[in-house]
Protein backbone atom coordinates (compact mmCIF):
# COMPACT_ATOMS: atom_id res chain seq x y z
CA MET A 1 216.77 48.52 312.76
CA SER A 2 214.54 47.60 315.71
CA GLU A 3 210.93 46.61 315.17
CA GLU A 4 209.38 49.93 316.11
CA TYR A 5 205.73 50.44 315.24
CA VAL A 6 203.94 53.65 314.31
CA ILE A 7 200.21 54.45 314.18
CA ILE A 8 199.24 56.12 310.89
CA THR A 9 195.71 57.47 310.37
CA CYS A 10 194.43 56.89 306.83
CA ARG A 11 193.89 60.18 304.95
CA HIS A 12 190.81 58.72 303.24
CA CYS A 13 188.81 56.69 305.78
CA GLN A 14 190.48 57.79 309.06
CA THR A 15 191.25 54.18 310.03
CA GLN A 16 194.27 53.84 312.30
CA ASN A 17 196.91 51.57 310.84
CA ARG A 18 199.66 50.01 312.97
CA LEU A 19 202.74 49.76 310.78
CA LEU A 20 206.37 48.82 311.16
CA LYS A 21 208.08 52.20 310.93
CA ASP A 22 211.12 50.98 308.98
CA LYS A 23 208.94 49.11 306.49
CA ALA A 24 206.64 52.10 306.03
CA ILE A 25 209.54 54.47 305.44
CA LYS A 26 211.13 52.18 302.88
CA ASN A 27 207.80 51.53 301.09
CA ILE A 28 206.13 54.96 301.16
CA LYS A 29 204.72 54.63 297.65
CA THR A 30 203.09 51.21 298.20
CA THR A 31 201.86 51.40 301.80
CA ILE A 32 198.05 51.12 301.78
CA CYS A 33 195.30 51.33 304.36
CA GLY A 34 194.21 47.98 305.79
CA LYS A 35 190.54 48.97 305.44
CA CYS A 36 189.94 51.13 302.36
CA ARG A 37 193.06 49.90 300.46
CA GLU A 38 193.98 53.46 299.43
CA ASN A 39 197.52 54.82 299.64
CA ILE A 40 198.15 56.07 303.15
CA PHE A 41 200.73 58.64 302.10
CA ILE A 42 200.58 61.46 299.58
CA GLY A 43 201.06 60.09 296.07
CA ASP A 44 203.89 60.78 293.61
CA ASP A 45 201.81 63.30 291.64
CA GLU A 46 200.07 65.02 294.57
CA PRO A 47 201.47 68.47 295.42
CA TYR A 48 202.06 69.59 298.99
CA TYR A 49 199.59 72.46 298.63
CA GLU A 50 200.64 75.65 300.42
CA ILE A 51 203.57 73.90 302.14
CA SER A 52 205.78 76.28 304.09
CA SER A 53 209.51 75.78 304.22
CA GLY A 54 209.03 75.92 307.98
CA ALA A 55 207.47 72.46 307.70
CA TYR A 56 210.84 70.86 307.04
CA GLU A 57 213.62 73.38 307.66
CA HIS A 58 216.42 72.34 309.96
CA PRO A 59 216.06 74.52 313.08
CA LEU A 60 219.68 75.70 313.07
CA ASP A 61 219.23 76.82 309.45
CA ARG A 62 216.06 78.72 310.37
CA SER A 63 217.64 80.35 313.45
CA ALA A 64 220.75 81.54 311.60
CA LEU A 65 218.83 82.72 308.55
CA ASN A 66 216.50 84.76 310.73
CA ALA A 67 219.56 86.35 312.34
CA LEU A 68 220.94 87.21 308.88
CA LYS A 69 217.64 88.78 307.81
CA LYS A 70 217.69 91.15 310.78
CA VAL A 71 221.02 92.69 309.79
CA PRO A 72 220.44 96.17 308.28
CA GLY A 73 221.00 96.15 304.53
CA THR A 74 220.71 92.41 304.01
CA GLY A 75 217.23 92.72 302.57
CA THR A 76 216.51 95.23 299.83
CA VAL A 77 220.03 96.65 299.51
CA LEU A 78 221.80 93.29 299.34
CA LYS A 79 219.17 91.97 296.93
CA MET A 80 219.68 94.93 294.60
CA ILE A 81 223.48 94.63 294.66
CA ILE A 82 223.47 90.88 293.99
CA LYS A 83 220.84 91.20 291.26
CA GLU A 84 222.63 93.95 289.36
CA THR A 85 226.15 92.53 289.66
CA VAL A 86 226.69 88.83 290.37
CA GLU A 87 223.37 87.61 288.99
CA ARG A 88 223.53 89.75 285.84
CA TYR A 89 227.12 88.62 285.22
CA HIS A 90 226.34 84.93 285.59
CA ARG A 91 223.10 85.00 283.61
CA ILE A 92 225.01 86.42 280.64
CA LEU A 93 227.81 83.87 281.11
CA PHE A 94 225.39 80.93 281.39
CA MET A 95 223.45 81.96 278.29
CA GLN A 96 226.69 82.08 276.29
CA ASN A 97 228.55 79.11 277.71
CA TYR A 98 226.08 76.55 279.13
CA ILE A 99 223.20 74.55 277.67
CA LYS A 100 219.74 75.95 278.46
CA VAL A 101 217.14 73.28 279.25
CA THR A 102 213.75 73.79 277.60
CA PRO A 103 210.68 71.60 276.87
CA MET A 104 212.28 70.83 273.49
CA HIS A 105 215.90 70.65 274.60
CA MET A 106 216.66 67.89 277.13
CA PRO A 107 212.96 67.56 277.99
CA PHE A 108 213.55 64.83 280.59
CA ILE A 109 215.40 67.31 282.79
CA HIS A 110 212.80 70.00 282.12
CA ASN A 111 210.06 67.55 283.12
CA MET A 112 211.89 66.73 286.37
CA ALA A 113 212.19 70.41 287.25
CA THR A 114 208.55 71.01 286.40
CA HIS A 115 207.41 68.00 288.46
CA ALA A 116 209.47 68.88 291.55
CA THR A 117 208.38 72.52 291.39
CA ARG A 118 204.74 71.47 291.31
CA ILE A 119 205.12 68.96 294.15
CA LEU A 120 206.69 71.60 296.42
CA ASP A 121 203.99 74.07 295.30
CA ILE A 122 206.55 76.63 294.12
CA GLU A 123 205.02 79.24 291.83
CA GLU A 124 207.54 79.32 288.99
CA VAL A 125 209.79 76.65 287.48
CA PRO A 126 213.39 77.91 287.60
CA GLN A 127 215.51 77.94 284.49
CA VAL A 128 217.94 74.99 284.37
CA PHE A 129 221.38 75.08 282.72
CA ILE A 130 223.74 72.19 282.04
CA TYR A 131 227.48 72.83 282.19
CA GLN A 132 230.55 70.75 281.42
CA ASN A 133 232.49 69.89 284.57
CA PRO A 134 234.23 66.71 285.77
CA TYR A 135 233.09 67.41 289.35
CA PRO A 136 229.51 66.21 290.08
CA ASN A 137 227.66 69.24 291.38
CA ALA A 138 224.48 71.28 291.22
CA PHE A 139 223.81 74.79 292.49
CA THR A 140 221.12 77.44 292.61
CA ALA A 141 221.64 81.16 292.08
CA GLY A 142 219.59 84.26 291.29
CA VAL A 143 217.38 86.59 293.29
CA ASP A 144 214.02 87.35 291.67
CA LYS A 145 214.26 84.52 289.15
CA PRO A 146 216.45 81.73 290.56
CA TYR A 147 218.15 79.33 288.16
CA ILE A 148 219.75 75.93 288.63
CA GLY A 149 223.06 74.71 287.23
CA ILE A 150 223.75 70.97 286.87
CA SER A 151 227.13 69.54 285.85
CA THR A 152 227.39 66.92 283.13
CA SER A 153 229.28 64.57 285.43
CA LEU A 154 226.40 64.65 287.90
CA ILE A 155 223.97 63.63 285.14
CA ASP A 156 226.31 60.77 284.18
CA LEU A 157 226.66 59.62 287.81
CA LEU A 158 223.05 59.55 288.97
CA SER A 159 219.90 57.64 288.06
CA GLU A 160 216.86 59.63 286.96
CA GLU A 161 215.22 59.31 290.39
CA GLU A 162 218.43 60.49 292.06
CA LEU A 163 218.68 63.41 289.63
CA LEU A 164 215.09 64.35 290.44
CA GLY A 165 216.09 64.38 294.09
CA VAL A 166 219.00 66.72 293.37
CA ILE A 167 216.68 69.11 291.53
CA ALA A 168 214.24 68.95 294.44
CA HIS A 169 217.18 69.69 296.78
CA GLU A 170 217.97 72.84 294.80
CA LEU A 171 214.30 73.83 294.85
CA GLY A 172 214.42 73.42 298.61
CA HIS A 173 217.09 76.11 298.73
CA ILE A 174 214.75 78.37 296.75
CA GLN A 175 211.74 77.66 298.93
CA CYS A 176 213.71 78.20 302.15
CA GLY A 177 214.99 81.59 300.97
CA HIS A 178 218.65 80.51 300.96
CA VAL A 179 219.69 81.70 297.53
CA LEU A 180 220.32 85.40 298.23
CA TYR A 181 222.35 84.68 301.34
CA LYS A 182 224.26 81.74 299.88
CA THR A 183 225.26 83.95 296.95
CA ALA A 184 226.39 86.70 299.32
CA ALA A 185 228.26 84.14 301.45
CA ARG A 186 230.20 82.91 298.38
CA ILE A 187 231.37 86.48 297.74
CA ILE A 188 232.36 86.94 301.37
CA TYR A 189 234.34 83.71 301.38
CA GLN A 190 236.33 84.82 298.36
CA VAL A 191 237.19 88.32 299.59
CA MET A 192 236.95 87.99 303.36
CA GLU A 193 240.35 89.46 304.17
CA VAL A 194 239.90 92.44 301.87
CA VAL A 195 236.39 93.09 303.12
CA GLY A 196 237.54 92.73 306.73
CA ASN A 197 240.12 95.47 306.20
CA LEU A 198 237.78 97.75 304.26
CA ILE A 199 234.97 97.74 306.79
CA GLY A 200 237.30 98.06 309.74
CA VAL A 201 236.22 94.89 311.43
CA GLY A 202 238.92 93.11 313.43
CA ARG A 203 240.18 90.06 311.64
CA LEU A 204 239.30 87.77 314.52
CA ALA A 205 235.75 89.02 314.71
CA PHE A 206 235.33 88.90 310.94
CA PHE A 207 236.75 85.36 310.90
CA ALA A 208 234.12 84.38 313.47
CA ILE A 209 231.36 85.82 311.28
CA VAL A 210 232.68 83.91 308.26
CA GLN A 211 232.79 80.68 310.27
CA ALA A 212 229.22 81.26 311.37
CA LEU A 213 228.26 81.78 307.73
CA TYR A 214 229.92 78.50 306.84
CA TYR A 215 228.04 76.80 309.64
CA TRP A 216 224.72 78.17 308.45
CA ASP A 217 225.66 77.15 304.89
CA ARG A 218 226.10 73.56 306.04
CA CYS A 219 222.84 73.62 308.02
CA SER A 220 221.01 74.95 304.95
CA GLU A 221 222.07 71.83 303.07
CA LEU A 222 220.28 69.71 305.69
CA SER A 223 217.04 71.59 305.02
CA ALA A 224 217.44 71.08 301.27
CA ASP A 225 218.07 67.36 301.82
CA ARG A 226 214.68 67.21 303.57
CA ALA A 227 212.99 68.86 300.57
CA GLU A 228 214.65 66.25 298.37
CA VAL A 229 213.27 63.28 300.31
CA ILE A 230 209.71 64.65 300.55
CA VAL A 231 209.63 64.97 296.74
CA THR A 232 211.17 61.58 295.90
CA LYS A 233 209.53 59.93 298.93
CA SER A 234 212.53 57.65 299.00
CA PHE A 235 215.03 57.81 301.87
CA THR A 236 217.00 55.08 300.13
CA THR A 237 217.41 57.16 296.99
CA SER A 238 218.71 60.12 298.96
CA ILE A 239 221.29 58.02 300.78
CA TYR A 240 222.47 56.42 297.54
CA THR A 241 222.85 59.87 296.02
CA THR A 242 225.00 60.90 298.99
CA MET A 243 227.13 57.72 298.64
CA LYS A 244 227.63 58.28 294.93
CA LEU A 245 228.72 61.89 295.52
CA ALA A 246 231.15 60.61 298.17
CA SER A 247 232.64 57.89 295.95
CA GLY A 248 232.30 59.30 292.44
CA SER A 249 233.17 56.02 290.72
CA GLN A 250 230.92 54.22 288.23
CA LYS A 251 232.79 50.96 288.84
CA ILE A 252 231.62 50.59 292.44
CA MET A 253 228.02 51.80 292.06
CA LYS A 254 226.53 48.30 292.35
CA MET A 255 228.65 47.54 295.38
CA LEU A 256 227.39 50.44 297.51
CA ASP A 257 225.45 49.40 300.60
CA MET A 258 223.21 51.85 302.43
CA ASP A 259 223.25 50.02 305.77
CA GLU A 260 227.06 49.80 305.77
CA PHE A 261 227.31 53.53 304.97
CA LEU A 262 224.95 54.44 307.83
CA LYS A 263 227.02 52.19 310.14
CA GLN A 264 230.10 54.11 309.03
CA GLY A 265 228.39 57.32 310.09
CA GLU A 266 227.70 55.83 313.51
CA GLU A 267 231.36 54.83 313.79
CA ALA A 268 232.36 58.40 312.90
CA ARG A 269 230.03 59.76 315.57
CA LYS A 270 231.54 57.47 318.22
CA MET A 271 235.07 58.48 317.16
CA LYS A 272 234.09 62.13 317.50
CA GLU A 273 232.74 61.56 321.01
CA GLU A 274 235.71 59.50 322.26
CA ASN A 275 237.71 62.49 323.46
CA PHE A 276 238.17 66.24 323.22
CA PHE A 277 240.80 66.13 320.49
CA ASN A 278 238.67 64.01 318.17
CA SER A 279 235.80 66.46 318.57
CA LEU A 280 238.18 69.38 317.97
CA PHE A 281 239.60 67.77 314.81
CA VAL A 282 236.10 67.14 313.44
CA THR A 283 235.28 70.84 313.97
CA MET A 284 238.57 71.94 312.39
CA GLN A 285 238.14 69.65 309.37
CA SER A 286 234.67 70.96 308.59
CA GLN A 287 234.92 74.63 309.60
CA SER A 288 235.60 75.98 306.10
CA THR A 289 233.30 73.66 304.14
CA THR A 290 229.98 74.64 302.64
CA HIS A 291 228.49 71.14 302.82
CA PRO A 292 228.40 68.65 305.69
CA PHE A 293 230.61 65.61 305.28
CA PRO A 294 228.63 62.77 303.62
CA VAL A 295 228.27 60.50 306.68
CA TRP A 296 226.98 63.37 308.84
CA ARG A 297 224.59 64.40 306.13
CA ALA A 298 223.18 60.89 305.85
CA GLY A 299 222.91 60.60 309.62
CA HIS A 300 221.01 63.89 309.97
CA LEU A 301 218.57 62.86 307.25
CA LYS A 302 218.03 59.44 308.81
CA GLU A 303 217.35 61.04 312.21
CA TRP A 304 214.73 63.38 310.72
CA VAL A 305 213.08 60.69 308.57
CA TYR A 306 212.77 58.23 311.47
CA ASP A 307 212.30 60.57 314.45
CA GLY A 308 211.14 63.89 312.98
CA ASN A 309 207.98 64.97 311.16
CA TYR A 310 208.75 63.32 307.80
CA LEU A 311 205.89 60.84 307.99
CA ASP A 312 203.52 63.61 309.15
CA ILE A 313 204.35 65.65 306.03
CA LEU A 314 203.71 62.64 303.82
CA GLN A 315 200.26 62.32 305.39
CA GLY A 316 199.47 65.96 304.54
CA LYS A 317 200.07 67.17 308.11
CA TYR A 318 202.44 70.09 307.62
CA LEU A 319 202.75 73.82 308.25
CA LYS A 320 201.11 75.82 305.46
CA ARG A 321 202.14 79.25 304.27
CA SER A 322 198.77 80.65 305.32
CA GLU A 323 199.43 79.37 308.87
CA GLU A 324 202.88 80.87 309.32
CA GLY A 325 203.37 82.90 312.45
CA ASP A 326 206.59 83.70 314.27
CA PRO A 327 209.28 82.40 311.86
CA ASP A 328 211.45 81.43 314.82
CA LYS A 329 208.75 79.07 316.07
CA ASP A 330 207.48 77.56 312.83
CA PHE A 331 209.66 74.48 313.15
CA ARG A 332 208.92 71.72 315.60
CA GLU A 333 210.66 72.41 318.91
CA GLY A 334 211.26 68.67 319.30
CA ASP A 335 213.32 68.75 316.09
CA PHE A 336 215.97 70.97 317.71
CA LYS A 337 218.87 69.60 319.68
CA LYS A 338 221.01 72.28 321.29
CA SER A 339 223.94 69.87 321.22
CA GLU A 340 223.94 70.00 317.41
CA ASP A 341 225.17 73.59 317.62
CA GLU A 342 228.41 72.33 319.14
CA PRO A 343 230.63 75.31 318.47
CA GLY A 344 227.87 77.68 319.66
CA LEU A 345 228.26 79.47 316.35
CA ILE A 346 224.66 80.53 316.00
CA ASP A 347 224.64 82.36 319.34
CA SER A 348 228.06 83.82 318.55
CA PHE A 349 226.78 84.94 315.16
CA LYS A 350 223.87 86.82 316.74
CA LYS A 351 226.16 88.50 319.27
CA LEU A 352 228.63 89.59 316.59
CA LEU A 353 225.79 91.09 314.58
CA GLY A 354 224.33 92.82 317.63
CA LEU A 355 221.16 90.74 317.56
CA ASP A 356 221.47 88.91 320.86
């Protein structure tokens, strides 16, 4: 990492502090003003009052989600259908088959959920359930009252700070308004051929819509990763969580190296850019996945933390809900790189839905 400096204005005394960017990012919780000696960045227990999801959403996530919201029936009608079928079914299943977290039952997880909800200034703490599964995972579902599911293997794999980050990640999905559409997308993935035949949409066109949904799904994870890191205030923790999810082995936990993993991501990027076929294979390998591959995910987060508005948010400079205007323009224009939408799926999605 090069010795790049950044000027940070103290929140308390307005003194301008010249800091090494890399050092500041890796020591958010202990970076103090050279004059008043107060913490420069928002503290662990300070909420981001009135924070809008537009303050940190990935622009491709926002663009695609806005396109989805404009489709007739995806608002009230879709919400009612999901609420009365899928959500009702799973709430009953979870209450019978999973462990419900309460202040008296696994309070450390309840406290994490309460803390992260308060930090992101979300009105209501979602219900958390623990379920037995050998695959480390967490998910969010529900419409009016979202709930979070966490697998036992994820709890075994992660440290408490990493688990807090995962819960914050799921809360990011809630704050960004992903849950309704991610639930609907899961249904579409499972029955896409049947639905394509029933609604009379050509298979090729319907396949394109499904691929666009997958692409948005992956972009939505990038937004939730950003929510995670503004709650934990630890880029290192987020990267180690990603590495642990990629490796899954307790034996190698102490051998994991963040810098080496980020270098691996850079190697993957160069491989992708070497020729047309490499780029095509990368697209093919990821086209039916709901999450970005770990090295891309880490790379996107690093880019936003170091070159986006991460440090601004941690100084209290962020878009507030009361300041929201055009949802398509709430994110920082400088945060958007057209080249990231390599398959052009977002534009194709809008055209297929008649929104272009």
